[in-house]
Protein backbone atom coordinates (compact mmCIF):
# COMPACT_ATOMS: atom_id res chain seq x y z
CA MET A 1 104.18 101.70 83.94
CA ARG A 2 106.24 103.71 81.47
CA ARG A 3 109.13 105.76 82.82
CA ASN A 4 110.66 108.90 81.36
CA ARG A 5 114.00 110.53 82.09
CA LEU A 6 114.03 114.14 83.28
CA GLY A 7 116.03 116.43 81.02
CA ASN A 8 119.71 115.55 80.97
CA SER A 9 119.64 114.02 84.44
CA ALA A 10 119.73 110.34 85.35
CA VAL A 11 116.44 110.66 87.26
CA GLU A 12 113.39 108.86 85.90
CA VAL A 13 109.72 109.26 86.74
CA THR A 14 106.71 107.13 85.97
CA GLU A 15 104.06 108.70 83.77
CA LEU A 16 101.68 108.73 86.74
CA SER A 17 102.98 110.08 90.03
CA PHE A 18 101.63 110.14 93.57
CA GLY A 19 101.00 113.65 94.90
CA ALA A 20 101.25 113.44 98.67
CA ALA A 21 99.64 116.75 99.64
CA ALA A 22 96.35 115.04 100.51
CA ILE A 23 97.93 112.62 102.98
CA GLY A 24 99.26 115.71 104.76
CA ASN A 25 95.61 116.50 105.69
CA LEU A 26 95.02 118.91 102.81
CA PHE A 27 91.42 120.16 103.12
CA SER A 28 90.41 117.26 105.37
CA ALA A 29 92.08 114.87 107.80
CA VAL A 30 93.38 111.51 106.59
CA GLU A 31 93.93 108.70 109.07
CA PRO A 32 97.54 107.45 109.26
CA ALA A 33 96.50 103.95 108.18
CA GLN A 34 94.68 105.33 105.14
CA ALA A 35 97.71 107.41 104.17
CA THR A 36 99.92 104.32 104.28
CA ALA A 37 97.37 102.29 102.35
CA ALA A 38 97.24 104.94 99.62
CA VAL A 39 101.02 104.83 99.18
CA ASN A 40 100.96 101.02 99.16
CA ALA A 41 98.23 101.04 96.51
CA ALA A 42 100.33 103.38 94.37
CA TRP A 43 103.23 100.98 94.63
CA ASP A 44 101.04 98.04 93.67
CA GLU A 45 99.84 99.96 90.59
CA GLY A 46 103.41 100.49 89.41
CA ILE A 47 103.74 104.14 90.44
CA ARG A 48 107.35 104.91 91.31
CA TYR A 49 107.36 108.69 91.55
CA PHE A 50 106.21 110.30 94.79
CA ASP A 51 106.01 114.07 95.38
CA THR A 52 105.73 115.93 98.67
CA ALA A 53 106.72 119.24 100.31
CA PRO A 54 107.26 120.72 103.79
CA HIS A 55 104.27 122.98 103.07
CA TYR A 56 101.84 120.04 103.00
CA GLY A 57 100.57 119.64 106.54
CA LEU A 58 103.64 121.40 107.94
CA GLY A 59 105.83 118.34 107.43
CA LEU A 60 103.12 115.75 108.02
CA SER A 61 103.06 114.69 104.36
CA GLU A 62 106.82 114.17 104.33
CA ARG A 63 106.77 112.13 107.54
CA ARG A 64 103.91 109.92 106.39
CA LEU A 65 105.33 109.40 102.91
CA GLY A 66 108.79 108.58 104.23
CA GLN A 67 107.37 106.10 106.72
CA ALA A 68 105.29 104.38 104.02
CA LEU A 69 108.26 104.11 101.66
CA ARG A 70 110.78 102.99 104.25
CA GLY A 71 111.82 99.45 103.55
CA ARG A 72 111.21 99.77 99.80
CA PRO A 73 114.36 99.40 97.67
CA ARG A 74 115.62 102.99 97.52
CA ASP A 75 116.85 102.75 93.93
CA SER A 76 113.45 101.57 92.72
CA TYR A 77 111.54 104.85 93.16
CA THR A 78 111.91 108.60 92.73
CA LEU A 79 111.03 111.11 95.43
CA SER A 80 110.71 114.86 95.13
CA THR A 81 110.22 117.55 97.72
CA LYS A 82 110.42 121.32 97.67
CA VAL A 83 112.30 124.29 99.10
CA GLY A 84 111.29 127.89 99.72
CA ARG A 85 109.29 127.45 102.90
CA VAL A 86 110.99 126.42 106.12
CA LEU A 87 109.15 125.23 109.21
CA ASP A 88 109.94 126.96 112.48
CA PRO A 89 108.80 125.37 115.77
CA GLN A 90 106.56 127.39 118.01
CA PRO A 91 106.92 127.18 121.79
CA GLY A 92 106.07 123.65 122.87
CA GLY A 93 106.40 122.32 119.36
CA ALA A 94 109.09 119.80 120.17
CA ALA A 95 106.76 117.98 122.56
CA ALA A 96 103.79 117.80 120.22
CA SER A 97 102.97 114.56 118.45
CA GLU A 98 100.89 113.79 115.39
CA GLU A 99 98.71 111.36 117.35
CA LEU A 100 97.33 114.11 119.59
CA SER A 101 94.99 115.45 116.92
CA GLU A 102 95.78 113.79 113.60
CA GLY A 103 98.32 116.36 112.51
CA PHE A 104 96.58 119.46 113.77
CA ALA A 105 98.89 119.48 116.78
CA VAL A 106 101.73 120.06 114.34
CA ARG A 107 99.73 122.85 112.73
CA ASN A 108 99.39 124.59 116.09
CA THR A 109 103.04 124.28 117.05
CA HIS A 110 104.88 125.07 113.81
CA ARG A 111 104.73 127.89 111.35
CA ARG A 112 105.79 128.31 107.73
CA ARG A 113 108.28 130.99 106.76
CA TRP A 114 109.32 131.94 103.22
CA ASP A 115 113.06 131.52 102.77
CA PHE A 116 114.71 131.43 99.35
CA SER A 117 118.18 132.17 100.69
CA ALA A 118 121.02 129.73 100.08
CA ALA A 119 121.08 128.88 103.77
CA GLY A 120 117.32 128.39 103.73
CA VAL A 121 117.58 125.94 100.85
CA ARG A 122 120.23 123.92 102.68
CA ARG A 123 118.23 123.90 105.87
CA SER A 124 115.05 122.91 104.05
CA ILE A 125 116.74 119.92 102.40
CA GLU A 126 118.28 118.81 105.70
CA ASP A 127 114.97 119.13 107.53
CA SER A 128 113.13 117.24 104.79
CA LEU A 129 115.63 114.38 104.91
CA GLU A 130 115.10 114.14 108.65
CA ARG A 131 111.31 114.12 108.36
CA LEU A 132 111.37 111.62 105.50
CA GLY A 133 113.83 109.36 107.24
CA LEU A 134 115.41 108.58 103.88
CA ASP A 135 118.97 108.85 102.66
CA ARG A 136 118.44 111.16 99.70
CA ILE A 137 116.05 113.32 97.70
CA ASP A 138 115.92 112.71 93.98
CA ILE A 139 114.28 115.97 92.83
CA ALA A 140 114.24 119.36 94.60
CA TYR A 141 111.81 122.00 93.35
CA LEU A 142 111.69 125.68 94.22
CA HIS A 143 108.15 125.94 95.59
CA ASP A 144 105.93 128.85 94.50
CA PRO A 145 108.62 131.55 94.16
CA ASP A 146 106.08 133.91 92.52
CA ASP A 147 106.69 136.83 94.90
CA HIS A 148 110.33 135.98 95.55
CA ALA A 149 111.83 136.02 92.05
CA GLU A 150 114.98 137.94 92.92
CA ALA A 151 115.96 135.68 95.81
CA ALA A 152 114.93 132.56 93.90
CA PHE A 153 117.15 133.31 90.90
CA ARG A 154 120.00 134.96 92.81
CA GLU A 155 120.33 132.61 95.79
CA ALA A 156 118.00 129.61 95.88
CA TYR A 157 118.55 128.34 92.34
CA PRO A 158 122.38 128.57 92.46
CA GLU A 159 122.28 126.65 95.74
CA LEU A 160 120.23 123.90 94.11
CA GLU A 161 122.84 123.73 91.36
CA LYS A 162 125.53 123.23 94.00
CA LEU A 163 123.50 120.51 95.71
CA ARG A 164 123.05 118.73 92.38
CA ALA A 165 126.77 118.98 91.63
CA GLN A 166 127.53 117.55 95.06
CA GLY A 167 125.14 114.64 94.50
CA VAL A 168 122.82 115.66 97.35
CA VAL A 169 119.94 115.77 94.86
CA GLY A 170 119.70 114.19 91.43
CA ALA A 171 117.60 116.77 89.58
CA ILE A 172 116.44 120.33 90.23
CA GLY A 173 113.62 122.55 89.08
CA ALA A 174 110.72 124.75 90.12
CA GLY A 175 107.05 124.09 90.81
CA MET A 176 104.39 126.76 90.25
CA ASN A 177 100.81 127.47 89.22
CA GLN A 178 101.91 129.88 86.47
CA THR A 179 103.91 129.56 83.27
CA ALA A 180 105.78 132.88 82.87
CA MET A 181 108.37 132.30 85.58
CA LEU A 182 108.64 128.60 84.80
CA THR A 183 109.46 129.56 81.22
CA ARG A 184 112.16 131.87 82.54
CA PHE A 185 113.64 128.99 84.58
CA VAL A 186 113.68 126.78 81.49
CA ARG A 187 115.18 129.52 79.32
CA ASP A 188 117.69 131.12 81.70
CA THR A 189 118.84 128.32 84.02
CA ASP A 190 119.95 124.71 83.84
CA VAL A 191 116.90 123.13 85.50
CA ASP A 192 116.15 119.52 84.65
CA VAL A 193 112.39 119.73 85.15
CA VAL A 194 109.57 122.08 86.08
CA LEU A 195 106.32 121.16 87.77
CA CYS A 196 103.46 123.07 86.18
CA ALA A 197 100.15 122.92 88.03
CA GLY A 198 96.85 123.61 86.30
CA ARG A 199 98.20 125.34 83.21
CA PHE A 200 98.21 122.47 80.73
CA THR A 201 94.78 120.93 81.05
CA LEU A 202 91.68 120.48 78.94
CA LEU A 203 90.48 123.82 80.33
CA ASP A 204 93.73 125.80 80.36
CA GLN A 205 96.35 125.32 77.66
CA SER A 206 98.36 128.45 78.47
CA ALA A 207 101.56 126.38 78.86
CA LEU A 208 101.52 125.93 75.08
CA THR A 209 102.33 129.58 74.43
CA GLY A 210 105.83 129.56 75.90
CA LEU A 211 106.69 126.95 78.50
CA LEU A 212 106.21 123.73 76.58
CA PRO A 213 107.88 124.88 73.33
CA GLU A 214 110.86 126.19 75.31
CA ALA A 215 111.13 122.96 77.29
CA ALA A 216 110.95 120.84 74.16
CA ALA A 217 113.53 122.96 72.34
CA ARG A 218 115.99 122.85 75.25
CA GLY A 219 115.54 119.21 76.24
CA ARG A 220 113.95 120.02 79.61
CA SER A 221 111.10 118.03 81.11
CA VAL A 222 107.73 119.12 82.45
CA VAL A 223 105.62 117.33 85.03
CA VAL A 224 102.00 118.47 84.90
CA GLY A 225 99.91 118.69 88.06
CA GLY A 226 96.38 119.88 88.65
CA VAL A 227 95.05 118.03 85.61
CA PHE A 228 91.50 118.23 86.99
CA ASN A 229 91.80 121.98 87.75
CA SER A 230 90.90 121.22 91.39
CA GLY A 231 87.74 119.31 90.56
CA LEU A 232 85.86 120.71 87.60
CA LEU A 233 87.34 118.23 85.12
CA ALA A 234 86.74 115.33 87.49
CA ASP A 235 83.03 116.00 87.91
CA PRO A 236 81.61 119.00 86.03
CA ARG A 237 78.43 120.03 87.82
CA PRO A 238 76.99 123.11 89.50
CA GLY A 239 79.08 123.85 92.58
CA ALA A 240 82.23 122.22 91.23
CA THR A 241 85.49 124.03 91.89
CA TYR A 242 88.03 125.44 89.44
CA ASP A 243 91.42 126.48 90.81
CA TYR A 244 90.04 126.15 94.36
CA ALA A 245 87.06 128.46 93.84
CA ALA A 246 83.53 127.98 92.54
CA ALA A 247 83.66 127.42 88.78
CA PRO A 248 82.13 130.30 86.79
CA PRO A 249 79.22 129.37 84.50
CA ASP A 250 81.20 129.70 81.26
CA LEU A 251 83.87 127.27 82.43
CA LEU A 252 81.25 124.85 83.71
CA ASP A 253 79.58 124.94 80.30
CA ARG A 254 82.91 124.29 78.58
CA ALA A 255 83.67 121.37 80.89
CA LEU A 256 80.28 119.84 80.11
CA ARG A 257 81.00 120.20 76.38
CA LEU A 258 84.35 118.47 76.92
CA LYS A 259 82.57 115.69 78.76
CA ASP A 260 80.06 115.18 75.94
CA VAL A 261 82.78 114.88 73.29
CA ALA A 262 84.89 112.51 75.42
CA GLU A 263 81.94 110.26 76.24
CA ALA A 264 80.98 110.12 72.57
CA HIS A 265 84.30 108.28 72.14
CA GLY A 266 83.61 106.04 75.12
CA VAL A 267 86.17 107.88 77.25
CA PRO A 268 85.38 109.27 80.72
CA LEU A 269 86.25 112.96 81.03
CA ARG A 270 88.62 112.16 83.90
CA ALA A 271 90.55 109.79 81.65
CA ALA A 272 90.80 112.41 78.90
CA ALA A 273 92.03 114.94 81.47
CA LEU A 274 94.76 112.55 82.64
CA HIS A 275 95.89 111.59 79.14
CA TYR A 276 95.85 115.03 77.52
CA PRO A 277 99.09 116.46 79.03
CA LEU A 278 100.98 113.36 77.90
CA THR A 279 100.25 114.23 74.27
CA HIS A 280 103.05 116.82 74.39
CA PRO A 281 106.62 115.51 73.96
CA ALA A 282 108.03 117.74 76.72
CA VAL A 283 105.73 116.24 79.36
CA ALA A 284 107.35 113.42 81.34
CA GLY A 285 104.38 112.64 83.55
CA VAL A 286 101.23 113.75 85.32
CA LEU A 287 100.99 114.23 89.07
CA VAL A 288 97.71 113.40 90.80
CA GLY A 289 96.96 114.10 94.44
CA THR A 290 95.28 111.10 96.05
CA ARG A 291 94.17 110.40 99.61
CA SER A 292 92.93 106.81 99.45
CA PRO A 293 93.73 103.47 97.79
CA GLU A 294 90.51 103.75 95.78
CA GLU A 295 91.54 107.10 94.28
CA VAL A 296 94.98 105.72 93.41
CA ARG A 297 93.58 102.65 91.69
CA ASP A 298 91.03 104.76 89.82
CA ALA A 299 93.70 107.10 88.44
CA ALA A 300 95.92 104.19 87.39
CA ALA A 301 93.03 102.45 85.63
CA LEU A 302 92.08 105.64 83.79
CA LEU A 303 95.63 106.14 82.57
CA ARG A 304 95.88 102.54 81.38
CA GLY A 305 92.71 102.86 79.32
CA PRO A 306 93.05 103.79 75.62
CA VAL A 307 92.17 107.24 74.31
CA PRO A 308 91.77 107.50 70.52
CA ASP A 309 93.53 110.30 68.63
CA ALA A 310 90.16 111.11 67.10
CA LEU A 311 89.05 112.47 70.47
CA TRP A 312 91.68 115.24 70.35
CA ASP A 313 90.75 115.95 66.73
CA ASP A 314 87.09 116.37 67.65
CA LEU A 315 87.93 118.61 70.61
CA ARG A 316 89.91 120.87 68.28
CA ALA A 317 87.11 120.86 65.74
CA GLU A 318 84.77 122.03 68.51
CA GLY A 319 87.20 124.82 69.46
CA LEU A 320 87.87 123.23 72.85
CA LEU A 321 91.61 122.69 72.29
CA THR A 322 94.17 124.92 70.61
CA GLU A 323 95.49 123.85 67.22
CA ASN A 324 99.02 123.22 68.50
CA GLY A 325 97.95 120.87 71.29
CA LEU A 326 100.24 118.07 70.15
């Protein structure tokens, strides 16, 4: 699987990455054996970039991912986690174990707390290393600093710069569901990469108006998550979700039009959704959240399949993509 270097760093990511939120029991519980099998399937498919965060399952995702990767050659894969939320134990938390209720024991005995201070960043990295059981973190993202801009730019980001200079992390950036602040990070700081979720998809190309041109001009990389917009682009039907809520009728209609054009070229809509972000030169890879070996293998197969340039041309002709989509 093709690898791309992030910005001016030495860190590389595969074009398809494993998003580990789901194996942290996001939305529904995942058995420990299934979580391990999903990571193993990703490895077998050539995926070498794995993303997690303390926020996912209150540390459960990090622990499961670290356990599944332990024993793999450490220089052969890239791992990212995030800072901005620290996990504080509740009374009795130290005695709780994941096996008691498949991770929900952790949920009952720990709580998240926003912390974009320099000390909070250091603590978050240290705690993540302990949960992962690994010797280093390759990429550290500021996680959802939307309502904490002042602290993020004044304290958290400079601390990430120090950690990068000290070799504690290899690359730094920010991960968000919006483009305005990510564009500011690209323009005003020395980030290597930003993780943009849901804003460069077949249904939302808002990243084209500022973020992607800035990243391309400054030699910064973008990893795109949320390529299915939480479900609508995976299976457009009544009741499908868009950005974690029921899709409004106009977006459902647009998704169905996208599906018709893609299938006219012999391309499943899911494959078009995976390939589309990679048409922009600033995009280093797409991040897909998967909870089972079957989902991993499906995503890898879709990305390996060819997508003709004529598909993008027809989508533009139908007014479904902006003119500067490439």
